[in-house]
PDB file of N, CA and C in Angstrom:
ATOM      1  N   MET A   1     114.375  92.559 123.595  1.00  0.00           N
ATOM      2  CA  MET A   1     114.166  93.449 122.764  1.00  0.00           C
ATOM      3  C   MET A   1     115.285  94.917 122.606  1.00  0.00           C
ATOM      4  N   ALA A   2     115.976  95.057 121.798  1.00  0.00           N
ATOM      5  CA  ALA A   2     116.395  96.367 121.756  1.00  0.00           C
ATOM      6  C   ALA A   2     116.109  97.179 120.819  1.00  0.00           C
ATOM      7  N   ASP A   3     116.579  98.561 121.112  1.00  0.00           N
ATOM      8  CA  ASP A   3     116.222  99.596 120.423  1.00  0.00           C
ATOM      9  C   ASP A   3     117.216 100.121 119.654  1.00  0.00           C
ATOM     10  N   LEU A   4     117.338  99.826 118.445  1.00  0.00           N
ATOM     11  CA  LEU A   4     118.541 100.035 117.221  1.00  0.00           C
ATOM     12  C   LEU A   4     118.360 101.116 116.697  1.00  0.00           C
ATOM     13  N   GLU A   5     117.167 102.096 117.122  1.00  0.00           N
ATOM     14  CA  GLU A   5     117.770 103.125 116.448  1.00  0.00           C
ATOM     15  C   GLU A   5     117.688 104.676 117.434  1.00  0.00           C
ATOM     16  N   ASN A   6     117.419 104.295 118.964  1.00  0.00           N
ATOM     17  CA  ASN A   6     117.774 105.341 119.955  1.00  0.00           C
ATOM     18  C   ASN A   6     118.582 104.796 121.142  1.00  0.00           C
ATOM     19  N   ALA A   7     119.081 103.742 120.862  1.00  0.00           N
ATOM     20  CA  ALA A   7     120.141 102.865 121.977  1.00  0.00           C
ATOM     21  C   ALA A   7     121.328 102.766 121.670  1.00  0.00           C
ATOM     22  N   ALA A   8     122.327 102.755 122.527  1.00  0.00           N
ATOM     23  CA  ALA A   8     123.551 102.063 122.099  1.00  0.00           C
ATOM     24  C   ALA A   8     123.280 100.423 121.260  1.00  0.00           C
ATOM     25  N   TRP A   9     124.469 100.505 120.393  1.00  0.00           N
ATOM     26  CA  TRP A   9     124.341  99.494 119.280  1.00  0.00           C
ATOM     27  C   TRP A   9     124.370  97.931 120.619  1.00  0.00           C
ATOM     28  N   PRO A  10     123.387  97.181 120.294  1.00  0.00           N
ATOM     29  CA  PRO A  10     123.704  95.876 121.441  1.00  0.00           C
ATOM     30  C   PRO A  10     124.153  94.985 121.133  1.00  0.00           C
ATOM     31  N   LEU A  11     124.744  94.818 119.655  1.00  0.00           N
ATOM     32  CA  LEU A  11     125.469  93.738 119.431  1.00  0.00           C
ATOM     33  C   LEU A  11     127.128  93.931 119.905  1.00  0.00           C
ATOM     34  N   GLY A  12     127.832  94.909 120.337  1.00  0.00           N
ATOM     35  CA  GLY A  12     129.010  95.262 120.608  1.00  0.00           C
ATOM     36  C   GLY A  12     129.772  95.020 119.215  1.00  0.00           C
ATOM     37  N   GLU A  13     130.888  94.482 119.280  1.00  0.00           N
ATOM     38  CA  GLU A  13     131.497  94.123 118.085  1.00  0.00           C
ATOM     39  C   GLU A  13     131.348  92.553 117.658  1.00  0.00           C
ATOM     40  N   ARG A  14     130.086  91.886 118.003  1.00  0.00           N
ATOM     41  CA  ARG A  14     130.070  90.746 117.772  1.00  0.00           C
ATOM     42  C   ARG A  14     130.408  90.632 116.371  1.00  0.00           C
ATOM     43  N   SER A  15     130.132  89.664 115.492  1.00  0.00           N
ATOM     44  CA  SER A  15     129.796  89.239 114.005  1.00  0.00           C
ATOM     45  C   SER A  15     129.307  88.342 113.839  1.00  0.00           C
ATOM     46  N   PHE A  16     128.528  87.824 112.828  1.00  0.00           N
ATOM     47  CA  PHE A  16     127.695  87.021 112.479  1.00  0.00           C
ATOM     48  C   PHE A  16     128.176  86.202 111.107  1.00  0.00           C
ATOM     49  N   GLY A  17     127.637  85.159 111.080  1.00  0.00           N
ATOM     50  CA  GLY A  17     127.613  84.102 109.529  1.00  0.00           C
ATOM     51  C   GLY A  17     126.741  84.724 108.742  1.00  0.00           C
ATOM     52  N   ALA A  18     125.756  85.287 108.924  1.00  0.00           N
ATOM     53  CA  ALA A  18     124.233  85.819 107.953  1.00  0.00           C
ATOM     54  C   ALA A  18     123.555  87.104 108.940  1.00  0.00           C
ATOM     55  N   ILE A  19     123.345  88.104 108.418  1.00  0.00           N
ATOM     56  CA  ILE A  19     122.117  88.885 108.502  1.00  0.00           C
ATOM     57  C   ILE A  19     121.139  89.148 107.796  1.00  0.00           C
ATOM     58  N   VAL A  20     120.192  88.784 108.174  1.00  0.00           N
ATOM     59  CA  VAL A  20     118.502  88.697 107.543  1.00  0.00           C
ATOM     60  C   VAL A  20     117.913  90.507 107.968  1.00  0.00           C
ATOM     61  N   VAL A  21     117.702  91.292 107.086  1.00  0.00           N
ATOM     62  CA  VAL A  21     116.856  92.383 107.565  1.00  0.00           C
ATOM     63  C   VAL A  21     115.656  92.106 106.408  1.00  0.00           C
ATOM     64  N   THR A  22     114.157  92.438 106.880  1.00  0.00           N
ATOM     65  CA  THR A  22     113.219  92.688 105.787  1.00  0.00           C
ATOM     66  C   THR A  22     112.531  93.612 106.467  1.00  0.00           C
ATOM     67  N   ASN A  23     111.789  94.181 105.735  1.00  0.00           N
ATOM     68  CA  ASN A  23     110.668  95.561 105.938  1.00  0.00           C
ATOM     69  C   ASN A  23     111.237  96.286 106.788  1.00  0.00           C
ATOM     70  N   TYR A  24     112.030  96.956 106.911  1.00  0.00           N
ATOM     71  CA  TYR A  24     113.017  98.178 108.086  1.00  0.00           C
ATOM     72  C   TYR A  24     114.201  98.550 107.500  1.00  0.00           C
ATOM     73  N   LEU A  25     113.934 100.027 107.363  1.00  0.00           N
ATOM     74  CA  LEU A  25     115.097 100.840 107.001  1.00  0.00           C
ATOM     75  C   LEU A  25     115.346 101.983 108.012  1.00  0.00           C
ATOM     76  N   HIS A  26     116.486 101.902 108.228  1.00  0.00           N
ATOM     77  CA  HIS A  26     117.189 103.114 109.106  1.00  0.00           C
ATOM     78  C   HIS A  26     118.820 103.265 108.855  1.00  0.00           C
ATOM     79  N   ARG A  27     118.775 103.929 107.721  1.00  0.00           N
ATOM     80  CA  ARG A  27     120.080 104.146 107.001  1.00  0.00           C
ATOM     81  C   ARG A  27     121.262 104.094 108.040  1.00  0.00           C
ATOM     82  N   PRO A  28     121.092 105.010 109.406  1.00  0.00           N
ATOM     83  CA  PRO A  28     122.287 105.131 110.149  1.00  0.00           C
ATOM     84  C   PRO A  28     122.848 103.845 110.660  1.00  0.00           C
ATOM     85  N   LEU A  29     122.265 102.909 110.347  1.00  0.00           N
ATOM     86  CA  LEU A  29     122.515 101.362 110.698  1.00  0.00           C
ATOM     87  C   LEU A  29     123.349 100.589 109.699  1.00  0.00           C
ATOM     88  N   PHE A  30     123.304 101.178 108.745  1.00  0.00           N
ATOM     89  CA  PHE A  30     123.910 100.484 107.803  1.00  0.00           C
ATOM     90  C   PHE A  30     125.766 100.098 107.875  1.00  0.00           C
ATOM     91  N   PRO A  31     125.825 101.125 108.061  1.00  0.00           N
ATOM     92  CA  PRO A  31     127.380 100.794 108.625  1.00  0.00           C
ATOM     93  C   PRO A  31     127.749  99.438 109.635  1.00  0.00           C
ATOM     94  N   ARG A  32     126.788  99.875 110.605  1.00  0.00           N
ATOM     95  CA  ARG A  32     127.057  98.798 111.399  1.00  0.00           C
ATOM     96  C   ARG A  32     126.443  97.461 111.000  1.00  0.00           C
ATOM     97  N   ILE A  33     125.643  96.970 110.398  1.00  0.00           N
ATOM     98  CA  ILE A  33     125.130  96.106 109.949  1.00  0.00           C
ATOM     99  C   ILE A  33     126.183  95.018 108.595  1.00  0.00           C
ATOM    100  N   VAL A  34     126.931  96.136 108.399  1.00  0.00           N
ATOM    101  CA  VAL A  34     128.016  95.596 107.631  1.00  0.00           C
ATOM    102  C   VAL A  34     129.337  94.979 108.275  1.00  0.00           C
ATOM    103  N   ALA A  35     129.452  96.126 109.261  1.00  0.00           N
ATOM    104  CA  ALA A  35     130.833  95.641 109.804  1.00  0.00           C
ATOM    105  C   ALA A  35     130.352  94.380 111.044  1.00  0.00           C
ATOM    106  N   ALA A  36     128.964  93.894 111.261  1.00  0.00           N
ATOM    107  CA  ALA A  36     128.858  92.644 111.962  1.00  0.00           C
ATOM    108  C   ALA A  36     128.785  91.424 111.213  1.00  0.00           C
ATOM    109  N   ILE A  37     128.770  92.004 109.746  1.00  0.00           N
ATOM    110  CA  ILE A  37     129.191  90.194 108.945  1.00  0.00           C
ATOM    111  C   ILE A  37     130.400  89.840 109.019  1.00  0.00           C
ATOM    112  N   ALA A  38     130.768  88.447 109.515  1.00  0.00           N
ATOM    113  CA  ALA A  38     131.847  87.992 109.388  1.00  0.00           C
ATOM    114  C   ALA A  38     132.869  87.509 108.184  1.00  0.00           C
ATOM    115  N   GLY A  39     133.665  87.730 107.723  1.00  0.00           N
ATOM    116  CA  GLY A  39     134.371  87.213 106.686  1.00  0.00           C
ATOM    117  C   GLY A  39     133.286  85.996 105.834  1.00  0.00           C
ATOM    118  N   ASN A  40     133.069  85.721 104.724  1.00  0.00           N
ATOM    119  CA  ASN A  40     132.590  84.845 104.217  1.00  0.00           C
ATOM    120  C   ASN A  40     131.198  85.022 104.397  1.00  0.00           C
ATOM    121  N   GLY A  41     130.663  86.042 105.521  1.00  0.00           N
ATOM    122  CA  GLY A  41     129.198  85.838 106.028  1.00  0.00           C
ATOM    123  C   GLY A  41     128.332  86.868 104.616  1.00  0.00           C
ATOM    124  N   VAL A  42     126.910  86.142 105.022  1.00  0.00           N
ATOM    125  CA  VAL A  42     125.928  86.725 103.640  1.00  0.00           C
ATOM    126  C   VAL A  42     125.179  87.923 104.497  1.00  0.00           C
ATOM    127  N   LEU A  43     124.994  88.584 103.570  1.00  0.00           N
ATOM    128  CA  LEU A  43     123.601  89.584 103.715  1.00  0.00           C
ATOM    129  C   LEU A  43     122.551  89.203 103.084  1.00  0.00           C
ATOM    130  N   ILE A  44     121.339  89.450 103.795  1.00  0.00           N
ATOM    131  CA  ILE A  44     120.353  89.314 103.093  1.00  0.00           C
ATOM    132  C   ILE A  44     119.373  90.677 103.423  1.00  0.00           C
ATOM    133  N   TYR A  45     118.784  91.340 102.331  1.00  0.00           N
ATOM    134  CA  TYR A  45     118.103  92.061 102.958  1.00  0.00           C
ATOM    135  C   TYR A  45     116.760  92.760 102.033  1.00  0.00           C
ATOM    136  N   GLU A  46     116.081  92.877 102.500  1.00  0.00           N
ATOM    137  CA  GLU A  46     114.261  93.219 101.640  1.00  0.00           C
ATOM    138  C   GLU A  46     113.906  94.490 102.146  1.00  0.00           C
ATOM    139  N   THR A  47     113.558  95.729 101.567  1.00  0.00           N
ATOM    140  CA  THR A  47     112.963  96.274 102.135  1.00  0.00           C
ATOM    141  C   THR A  47     111.949  97.249 101.046  1.00  0.00           C
ATOM    142  N   PHE A  48     111.107  98.236 101.356  1.00  0.00           N
ATOM    143  CA  PHE A  48     110.333  98.987 100.332  1.00  0.00           C
ATOM    144  C   PHE A  48     111.378  99.986  99.519  1.00  0.00           C
ATOM    145  N   ALA A  49     110.641 100.125  98.427  1.00  0.00           N
ATOM    146  CA  ALA A  49     112.009 101.242  97.427  1.00  0.00           C
ATOM    147  C   ALA A  49     110.804 102.319  96.949  1.00  0.00           C
ATOM    148  N   ALA A  50     111.529 102.743  96.645  1.00  0.00           N
ATOM    149  CA  ALA A  50     111.151 104.365  95.758  1.00  0.00           C
ATOM    150  C   ALA A  50     109.943 103.689  94.592  1.00  0.00           C
ATOM    151  N   GLY A  51     108.735 104.468  94.931  1.00  0.00           N
ATOM    152  CA  GLY A  51     107.854 104.148  93.805  1.00  0.00           C
ATOM    153  C   GLY A  51     106.722 103.338  94.641  1.00  0.00           C
ATOM    154  N   ASN A  52     107.132 102.893  96.073  1.00  0.00           N
ATOM    155  CA  ASN A  52     106.033 102.360  96.541  1.00  0.00           C
ATOM    156  C   ASN A  52     104.787 103.330  96.909  1.00  0.00           C
ATOM    157  N   GLU A  53     105.130 104.497  96.997  1.00  0.00           N
ATOM    158  CA  GLU A  53     104.154 105.609  97.419  1.00  0.00           C
ATOM    159  C   GLU A  53     102.859 105.187  96.633  1.00  0.00           C
ATOM    160  N   ARG A  54     103.104 104.835  95.131  1.00  0.00           N
ATOM    161  CA  ARG A  54     101.534 104.521  94.569  1.00  0.00           C
ATOM    162  C   ARG A  54     100.819 103.356  94.995  1.00  0.00           C
ATOM    163  N   PHE A  55     101.347 102.621  96.258  1.00  0.00           N
ATOM    164  CA  PHE A  55     100.600 101.526  96.580  1.00  0.00           C
ATOM    165  C   PHE A  55     100.380 101.575  98.033  1.00  0.00           C
ATOM    166  N   GLY A  56     100.803 102.845  98.575  1.00  0.00           N
ATOM    167  CA  GLY A  56     100.381 103.323  99.910  1.00  0.00           C
ATOM    168  C   GLY A  56     101.513 103.001 100.864  1.00  0.00           C
ATOM    169  N   LYS A  57     101.416 103.035 102.129  1.00  0.00           N
ATOM    170  CA  LYS A  57     102.656 102.844 102.872  1.00  0.00           C
ATOM    171  C   LYS A  57     103.973 101.761 102.960  1.00  0.00           C
ATOM    172  N   PRO A  58     105.080 102.145 103.411  1.00  0.00           N
ATOM    173  CA  PRO A  58     105.558 103.529 103.563  1.00  0.00           C
ATOM    174  C   PRO A  58     105.600 104.022 102.279  1.00  0.00           C
ATOM    175  N   SER A  59     105.266 105.434 102.430  1.00  0.00           N
ATOM    176  CA  SER A  59     105.400 106.583 101.188  1.00  0.00           C
ATOM    177  C   SER A  59     105.851 107.208 101.407  1.00  0.00           C
ATOM    178  N   ASN A  60     106.595 107.840 102.558  1.00  0.00           N
ATOM    179  CA  ASN A  60     107.697 108.506 103.118  1.00  0.00           C
ATOM    180  C   ASN A  60     109.126 108.336 102.555  1.00  0.00           C
ATOM    181  N   PRO A  61     109.647 109.171 101.282  1.00  0.00           N
ATOM    182  CA  PRO A  61     111.014 108.792 100.833  1.00  0.00           C
ATOM    183  C   PRO A  61     111.946 108.401 101.988  1.00  0.00           C
ATOM    184  N   ASP A  62     112.093 109.057 103.085  1.00  0.00           N
ATOM    185  CA  ASP A  62     113.041 108.618 104.166  1.00  0.00           C
ATOM    186  C   ASP A  62     112.473 107.073 104.462  1.00  0.00           C
ATOM    187  N   PHE A  63     111.915 106.481 104.270  1.00  0.00           N
ATOM    188  CA  PHE A  63     111.723 104.849 104.483  1.00  0.00           C
ATOM    189  C   PHE A  63     111.472 104.311 103.073  1.00  0.00           C
ATOM    190  N   LEU A  64     112.416 105.030 102.145  1.00  0.00           N
ATOM    191  CA  LEU A  64     112.192 104.194 100.578  1.00  0.00           C
ATOM    192  C   LEU A  64     113.599 104.182 100.371  1.00  0.00           C
ATOM    193  N   LEU A  65     113.872 102.974  99.656  1.00  0.00           N
ATOM    194  CA  LEU A  65     115.357 102.578  99.549  1.00  0.00           C
ATOM    195  C   LEU A  65     115.308 103.410  98.066  1.00  0.00           C
ATOM    196  N   ARG A  66     116.302 104.325  97.786  1.00  0.00           N
ATOM    197  CA  ARG A  66     116.671 104.974  96.486  1.00  0.00           C
ATOM    198  C   ARG A  66     117.109 103.865  95.531  1.00  0.00           C
ATOM    199  N   PRO A  67     116.920 104.178  94.200  1.00  0.00           N
ATOM    200  CA  PRO A  67     117.382 103.078  93.021  1.00  0.00           C
ATOM    201  C   PRO A  67     119.081 102.906  93.264  1.00  0.00           C
ATOM    202  N   GLY A  68     119.078 101.453  93.681  1.00  0.00           N
ATOM    203  CA  GLY A  68     120.738 100.938  93.434  1.00  0.00           C
ATOM    204  C   GLY A  68     121.028 101.461  94.765  1.00  0.00           C
ATOM    205  N   GLU A  69     120.313 101.561  95.945  1.00  0.00           N
ATOM    206  CA  GLU A  69     121.066 102.098  97.449  1.00  0.00           C
ATOM    207  C   GLU A  69     121.298 100.586  97.950  1.00  0.00           C
ATOM    208  N   LEU A  70     120.965  99.477  98.129  1.00  0.00           N
ATOM    209  CA  LEU A  70     121.485  98.480  98.290  1.00  0.00           C
ATOM    210  C   LEU A  70     122.815  98.139  97.580  1.00  0.00           C
ATOM    211  N   LEU A  71     122.799  98.206  96.377  1.00  0.00           N
ATOM    212  CA  LEU A  71     124.040  98.164  95.949  1.00  0.00           C
ATOM    213  C   LEU A  71     125.471  98.836  96.326  1.00  0.00           C
ATOM    214  N   ASP A  72     124.399 100.243  96.714  1.00  0.00           N
ATOM    215  CA  ASP A  72     125.837 101.199  97.162  1.00  0.00           C
ATOM    216  C   ASP A  72     126.509 100.380  98.757  1.00  0.00           C
ATOM    217  N   VAL A  73     125.189  99.937  99.300  1.00  0.00           N
ATOM    218  CA  VAL A  73     125.771  99.839 100.756  1.00  0.00           C
ATOM    219  C   VAL A  73     126.530  98.664 100.778  1.00  0.00           C
ATOM    220  N   VAL A  74     126.726  97.550  99.840  1.00  0.00           N
ATOM    221  CA  VAL A  74     128.074  96.836 100.101  1.00  0.00           C
ATOM    222  C   VAL A  74     128.820  96.708  98.815  1.00  0.00           C
ATOM    223  N   ALA A  75     129.018  97.447  98.344  1.00  0.00           N
ATOM    224  CA  ALA A  75     129.980  98.026  97.122  1.00  0.00           C
ATOM    225  C   ALA A  75     131.324  97.845  97.784  1.00  0.00           C
ATOM    226  N   GLY A  76     132.225  97.412  96.816  1.00  0.00           N
ATOM    227  CA  GLY A  76     133.641  97.515  97.556  1.00  0.00           C
ATOM    228  C   GLY A  76     134.038  96.549  98.783  1.00  0.00           C
ATOM    229  N   LYS A  77     132.763  95.675  99.450  1.00  0.00           N
ATOM    230  CA  LYS A  77     133.108  94.949 100.899  1.00  0.00           C
ATOM    231  C   LYS A  77     132.501  94.037 100.400  1.00  0.00           C
ATOM    232  N   PHE A  78     131.499  93.586  99.512  1.00  0.00           N
ATOM    233  CA  PHE A  78     130.585  92.341  99.092  1.00  0.00           C
ATOM    234  C   PHE A  78     130.579  91.965  97.817  1.00  0.00           C
ATOM    235  N   ARG A  79     130.588  90.592  97.774  1.00  0.00           N
ATOM    236  CA  ARG A  79     130.220  90.124  96.409  1.00  0.00           C
ATOM    237  C   ARG A  79     128.713  90.003  96.410  1.00  0.00           C
ATOM    238  N   VAL A  80     128.344  90.525  95.398  1.00  0.00           N
ATOM    239  CA  VAL A  80     126.448  90.520  94.872  1.00  0.00           C
ATOM    240  C   VAL A  80     126.148  89.153  94.528  1.00  0.00           C
ATOM    241  N   ILE A  81     125.683  88.299  95.302  1.00  0.00           N
ATOM    242  CA  ILE A  81     124.831  87.394  94.387  1.00  0.00           C
ATOM    243  C   ILE A  81     123.791  87.360  93.970  1.00  0.00           C
ATOM    244  N   ALA A  82     123.041  87.992  94.425  1.00  0.00           N
ATOM    245  CA  ALA A  82     121.361  88.179  93.446  1.00  0.00           C
ATOM    246  C   ALA A  82     121.104  89.561  93.725  1.00  0.00           C
ATOM    247  N   TYR A  83     120.429  90.395  93.090  1.00  0.00           N
ATOM    248  CA  TYR A  83     119.991  91.609  93.611  1.00  0.00           C
ATOM    249  C   TYR A  83     118.747  91.972  92.517  1.00  0.00           C
ATOM    250  N   GLU A  84     117.662  92.728  93.241  1.00  0.00           N
ATOM    251  CA  GLU A  84     116.305  93.105  92.327  1.00  0.00           C
ATOM    252  C   GLU A  84     116.001  94.039  93.126  1.00  0.00           C
ATOM    253  N   ASP A  85     115.410  94.968  92.063  1.00  0.00           N
ATOM    254  CA  ASP A  85     114.765  96.472  92.306  1.00  0.00           C
ATOM    255  C   ASP A  85     113.326  96.137  91.297  1.00  0.00           C
ATOM    256  N   LEU A  86     112.318  95.769  92.296  1.00  0.00           N
ATOM    257  CA  LEU A  86     111.182  95.261  91.219  1.00  0.00           C
ATOM    258  C   LEU A  86     109.750  95.668  92.076  1.00  0.00           C
ATOM    259  N   GLN A  87     108.773  95.614  91.512  1.00  0.00           N
ATOM    260  CA  GLN A  87     107.198  95.492  91.540  1.00  0.00           C
ATOM    261  C   GLN A  87     107.207  93.954  91.941  1.00  0.00           C
ATOM    262  N   ILE A  88     106.433  93.878  93.203  1.00  0.00           N
ATOM    263  CA  ILE A  88     106.054  92.767  93.397  1.00  0.00           C
ATOM    264  C   ILE A  88     104.531  92.623  93.646  1.00  0.00           C
ATOM    265  N   GLY A  89     103.767  91.516  93.548  1.00  0.00           N
ATOM    266  CA  GLY A  89     101.987  91.757  93.690  1.00  0.00           C
ATOM    267  C   GLY A  89     101.297  90.877  94.895  1.00  0.00           C
ATOM    268  N   GLU A  90     102.127  89.952  95.780  1.00  0.00           N
ATOM    269  CA  GLU A  90     102.069  89.319  96.676  1.00  0.00           C
ATOM    270  C   GLU A  90     102.927  89.679  98.155  1.00  0.00           C
ATOM    271  N   PRO A  91     102.537  89.817  99.258  1.00  0.00           N
ATOM    272  CA  PRO A  91     101.018  89.663  99.650  1.00  0.00           C
ATOM    273  C   PRO A  91     100.476  90.776  99.162  1.00  0.00           C
ATOM    274  N   LYS A  92     100.965  92.008  99.017  1.00  0.00           N
ATOM    275  CA  LYS A  92      99.866  93.023  98.427  1.00  0.00           C
ATOM    276  C   LYS A  92     100.940  93.862  97.559  1.00  0.00           C
ATOM    277  N   PRO A  93     100.578  94.560  96.521  1.00  0.00           N
ATOM    278  CA  PRO A  93     101.631  95.094  95.811  1.00  0.00           C
ATOM    279  C   PRO A  93     102.474  96.129  96.275  1.00  0.00           C
ATOM    280  N   ALA A  94     103.719  95.958  96.029  1.00  0.00           N
ATOM    281  CA  ALA A  94     104.596  96.578  96.470  1.00  0.00           C
ATOM    282  C   ALA A  94     105.862  97.015  95.766  1.00  0.00           C
ATOM    283  N   MET A  95     106.453  97.915  95.866  1.00  0.00           N
ATOM    284  CA  MET A  95     107.949  97.913  95.667  1.00  0.00           C
ATOM    285  C   MET A  95     109.073  97.934  96.302  1.00  0.00           C
ATOM    286  N   VAL A  96     109.950  96.903  96.101  1.00  0.00           N
ATOM    287  CA  VAL A  96     110.905  96.420  96.906  1.00  0.00           C
ATOM    288  C   VAL A  96     111.982  96.633  96.340  1.00  0.00           C
ATOM    289  N   GLN A  97     113.350  96.114  97.387  1.00  0.00           N
ATOM    290  CA  GLN A  97     114.792  96.166  96.527  1.00  0.00           C
ATOM    291  C   GLN A  97     115.121  94.974  97.876  1.00  0.00           C
ATOM    292  N   ARG A  98     115.950  94.286  96.856  1.00  0.00           N
ATOM    293  CA  ARG A  98     116.436  93.037  97.631  1.00  0.00           C
ATOM    294  C   ARG A  98     117.954  92.584  97.019  1.00  0.00           C
ATOM    295  N   ILE A  99     118.906  92.332  98.066  1.00  0.00           N
ATOM    296  CA  ILE A  99     119.738  91.772  97.884  1.00  0.00           C
ATOM    297  C   ILE A  99     120.566  90.684  98.870  1.00  0.00           C
ATOM    298  N   CYS A 100     121.089  89.839  98.102  1.00  0.00           N
ATOM    299  CA  CYS A 100     121.690  88.504  98.448  1.00  0.00           C
ATOM    300  C   CYS A 100     123.311  89.107  98.354  1.00  0.00           C
ATOM    301  N   ALA A 101     124.135  89.644  99.255  1.00  0.00           N
ATOM    302  CA  ALA A 101     125.578  89.610  99.260  1.00  0.00           C
ATOM    303  C   ALA A 101     126.654  88.879 100.590  1.00  0.00           C
ATOM    304  N   MET A 102     127.720  88.324  99.633  1.00  0.00           N
ATOM    305  CA  MET A 102     128.415  87.915 100.779  1.00  0.00           C
ATOM    306  C   MET A 102     129.867  88.520 100.806  1.00  0.00           C
ATOM    307  N   ARG A 103     130.559  88.772 101.967  1.00  0.00           N
ATOM    308  CA  ARG A 103     131.569  89.449 102.756  1.00  0.00           C
ATOM    309  C   ARG A 103     132.673  88.208 102.082  1.00  0.00           C
ATOM    310  N   SER A 104     133.937  88.811 101.084  1.00  0.00           N
ATOM    311  CA  SER A 104     135.079  88.012 100.836  1.00  0.00           C
ATOM    312  C   SER A 104     135.824  88.199 102.072  1.00  0.00           C
ATOM    313  N   GLY A 105     136.532  86.961 102.252  1.00  0.00           N
ATOM    314  CA  GLY A 105     137.620  87.173 103.152  1.00  0.00           C
ATOM    315  C   GLY A 105     137.335  87.119 104.655  1.00  0.00           C
ATOM    316  N   ALA A 106     138.538  87.717 105.242  1.00  0.00           N
ATOM    317  CA  ALA A 106     138.513  87.512 106.750  1.00  0.00           C
ATOM    318  C   ALA A 106     137.232  88.335 107.777  1.00  0.00           C
ATOM    319  N   GLY A 107     136.910  89.401 107.115  1.00  0.00           N
ATOM    320  CA  GLY A 107     135.779  90.356 107.658  1.00  0.00           C
ATOM    321  C   GLY A 107     136.039  91.667 107.513  1.00  0.00           C
ATOM    322  N   PRO A 108     135.485  92.520 108.125  1.00  0.00           N
ATOM    323  CA  PRO A 108     135.668  93.913 108.156  1.00  0.00           C
ATOM    324  C   PRO A 108     136.974  94.545 108.140  1.00  0.00           C
TER     325      PRO A 108
END
């Protein structure tokens, strides 16, 4: 197990063909996550978005994606395959953002 928020980045300069992040948001890690995706690699990211405070936790804006935030994270570096910013009903009502994006070319 690694402490991604308070310790050194545990992955060094390694790169990966895919990274999947779900239900987690620590904005300072965005550059590290993006840099760790190899050329032609894929990022799949889904977490809670603004508006989720209507349904419960998380409700703190620090832990909710702003409108279009995931698009901004990949802008100019990735080709967006799919993106959603919507309300879901299952497993419980929530506001989420989802993105599937592919890095073009040789990498970071």
